[in-house]
C-alpha atoms as a PDB file:
ATOM      1  CA  UNK A   1      96.377 104.359  92.885  1.00  0.00           C
ATOM      2  CA  UNK A   2      96.525 100.575  91.670  1.00  0.00           C
ATOM      3  CA  UNK A   3      92.455 100.325  92.262  1.00  0.00           C
ATOM      4  CA  UNK A   4      92.147 102.999  90.208  1.00  0.00           C
ATOM      5  CA  UNK A   5      94.174 101.668  87.286  1.00  0.00           C
ATOM      6  CA  UNK A   6      91.852  98.395  87.753  1.00  0.00           C
ATOM      7  CA  UNK A   7      88.753 100.471  87.378  1.00  0.00           C
ATOM      8  CA  UNK A   8      90.502 102.562  84.458  1.00  0.00           C
ATOM      9  CA  UNK A   9      90.516  98.971  82.883  1.00  0.00           C
ATOM     10  CA  UNK A  10      87.074  98.338  84.032  1.00  0.00           C
ATOM     11  CA  UNK A  11      85.543 101.075  82.008  1.00  0.00           C
ATOM     12  CA  UNK A  12      87.377 100.607  79.205  1.00  0.00           C
ATOM     13  CA  UNK A  13      86.007  97.087  78.782  1.00  0.00           C
ATOM     14  CA  UNK A  14      89.239  95.427  79.335  1.00  0.00           C
ATOM     15  CA  UNK A  15      87.328  92.084  80.814  1.00  0.00           C
ATOM     16  CA  UNK A  16      89.165  89.066  82.622  1.00  0.00           C
ATOM     17  CA  UNK A  17      91.321  91.205  84.520  1.00  0.00           C
ATOM     18  CA  UNK A  18      91.939  91.554  88.385  1.00  0.00           C
ATOM     19  CA  UNK A  19      93.850  94.250  90.324  1.00  0.00           C
ATOM     20  CA  UNK A  20      95.555  92.845  93.660  1.00  0.00           C
ATOM     21  CA  UNK A  21      96.510  95.705  95.969  1.00  0.00           C
ATOM     22  CA  UNK A  22      99.329  94.937  98.164  1.00  0.00           C
ATOM     23  CA  UNK A  23      97.943  94.322 102.149  1.00  0.00           C
ATOM     24  CA  UNK A  24      94.575  94.558 101.411  1.00  0.00           C
ATOM     25  CA  UNK A  25      92.409  93.481 104.600  1.00  0.00           C
ATOM     26  CA  UNK A  26      88.992  92.282 104.392  1.00  0.00           C
ATOM     27  CA  UNK A  27      86.836  90.416 107.285  1.00  0.00           C
ATOM     28  CA  UNK A  28      84.339  87.950 106.284  1.00  0.00           C
ATOM     29  CA  UNK A  29      82.176  86.971 109.056  1.00  0.00           C
ATOM     30  CA  UNK A  30      85.007  86.831 112.639  1.00  0.00           C
ATOM     31  CA  UNK A  31      87.611  85.770 109.710  1.00  0.00           C
ATOM     32  CA  UNK A  32      89.992  88.467 108.479  1.00  0.00           C
ATOM     33  CA  UNK A  33      91.843  87.833 105.566  1.00  0.00           C
ATOM     34  CA  UNK A  34      94.928  89.848 104.903  1.00  0.00           C
ATOM     35  CA  UNK A  35      96.152  90.088 101.485  1.00  0.00           C
ATOM     36  CA  UNK A  36      93.023  89.337 100.241  1.00  0.00           C
ATOM     37  CA  UNK A  37      92.815  88.544  96.640  1.00  0.00           C
ATOM     38  CA  UNK A  38      96.356  87.405  96.941  1.00  0.00           C
ATOM     39  CA  UNK A  39      97.665  83.700  97.499  1.00  0.00           C
ATOM     40  CA  UNK A  40      99.616  85.344 100.581  1.00  0.00           C
ATOM     41  CA  UNK A  41      99.672  87.581 103.288  1.00  0.00           C
ATOM     42  CA  UNK A  42     103.201  88.804 102.270  1.00  0.00           C
ATOM     43  CA  UNK A  43     103.064  89.364  98.810  1.00  0.00           C
ATOM     44  CA  UNK A  44     105.544  92.269  98.457  1.00  0.00           C
ATOM     45  CA  UNK A  45     104.123  94.181  95.318  1.00  0.00           C
ATOM     46  CA  UNK A  46     100.505  94.815  93.676  1.00  0.00           C
ATOM     47  CA  UNK A  47      99.514  93.115  90.356  1.00  0.00           C
ATOM     48  CA  UNK A  48      97.654  92.348  87.779  1.00  0.00           C
ATOM     49  CA  UNK A  49      95.983  89.105  86.427  1.00  0.00           C
ATOM     50  CA  UNK A  50      94.085  89.024  83.184  1.00  0.00           C
ATOM     51  CA  UNK A  51      92.520  85.596  82.034  1.00  0.00           C
ATOM     52  CA  UNK A  52      90.722  84.014  78.953  1.00  0.00           C
ATOM     53  CA  UNK A  53      88.990  81.353  77.334  1.00  0.00           C
ATOM     54  CA  UNK A  54      90.009  78.141  75.488  1.00  0.00           C
ATOM     55  CA  UNK A  55      89.352  78.941  71.965  1.00  0.00           C
ATOM     56  CA  UNK A  56      90.442  82.847  72.038  1.00  0.00           C
ATOM     57  CA  UNK A  57      90.816  84.709  68.662  1.00  0.00           C
ATOM     58  CA  UNK A  58      94.053  85.900  67.756  1.00  0.00           C
ATOM     59  CA  UNK A  59      92.306  88.981  66.812  1.00  0.00           C
ATOM     60  CA  UNK A  60      90.826  89.098  70.395  1.00  0.00           C
ATOM     61  CA  UNK A  61      94.115  88.955  72.048  1.00  0.00           C
ATOM     62  CA  UNK A  62      95.202  91.476  70.171  1.00  0.00           C
ATOM     63  CA  UNK A  63      92.274  94.066  70.996  1.00  0.00           C
ATOM     64  CA  UNK A  64      92.893  92.872  74.656  1.00  0.00           C
ATOM     65  CA  UNK A  65      96.369  94.371  74.255  1.00  0.00           C
ATOM     66  CA  UNK A  66      95.802  97.017  72.689  1.00  0.00           C
ATOM     67  CA  UNK A  67      93.146  98.301  74.832  1.00  0.00           C
ATOM     68  CA  UNK A  68      95.723  97.154  78.158  1.00  0.00           C
ATOM     69  CA  UNK A  69      98.143  99.382  76.991  1.00  0.00           C
ATOM     70  CA  UNK A  70      95.665 102.267  75.884  1.00  0.00           C
ATOM     71  CA  UNK A  71      95.066 102.271  79.563  1.00  0.00           C
ATOM     72  CA  UNK A  72      98.611 101.805  81.011  1.00  0.00           C
ATOM     73  CA  UNK A  73      99.588 104.875  78.838  1.00  0.00           C
ATOM     74  CA  UNK A  74      95.934 106.743  79.936  1.00  0.00           C
ATOM     75  CA  UNK A  75      97.075 106.078  83.821  1.00  0.00           C
ATOM     76  CA  UNK A  76     100.558 107.320  83.451  1.00  0.00           C
ATOM     77  CA  UNK A  77      99.817 110.318  81.588  1.00  0.00           C
ATOM     78  CA  UNK A  78      97.541 111.122  84.387  1.00  0.00           C
ATOM     79  CA  UNK A  79      99.684 110.462  87.307  1.00  0.00           C
ATOM     80  CA  UNK A  80     102.077 112.666  85.659  1.00  0.00           C
ATOM     81  CA  UNK A  81      99.454 115.344  85.517  1.00  0.00           C
ATOM     82  CA  UNK A  82      98.556 114.755  89.109  1.00  0.00           C
ATOM     83  CA  UNK A  83     102.303 115.143  90.167  1.00  0.00           C
ATOM     84  CA  UNK A  84     102.601 118.384  88.180  1.00  0.00           C
ATOM     85  CA  UNK A  85      99.375 120.110  90.053  1.00  0.00           C
ATOM     86  CA  UNK A  86     100.701 118.875  93.296  1.00  0.00           C
ATOM     87  CA  UNK A  87     104.269 119.684  93.012  1.00  0.00           C
ATOM     88  CA  UNK A  88     102.939 123.117  91.451  1.00  0.00           C
ATOM     89  CA  UNK A  89     100.693 123.765  94.786  1.00  0.00           C
ATOM     90  CA  UNK A  90     103.051 122.487  97.038  1.00  0.00           C
END
């Protein structure tokens, strides 16, 4: 689910964000990376990071948060709709 939220941010032009799922594993060559993208293998929860550049204007950060807020609202609305479908089907 959290990676879906990351794709929603991308398609809504919310740039500078990165969603890090819990326990993601990647193998590169002979090396396994558990918790890939996180600072530790044992981080307990997925998380979202946001980045900005020096010189960011107030209107730009306001737009960032407006888009982020809309993405959260859309995400939770879709999740609620999907849960209702599952409940009805099962």
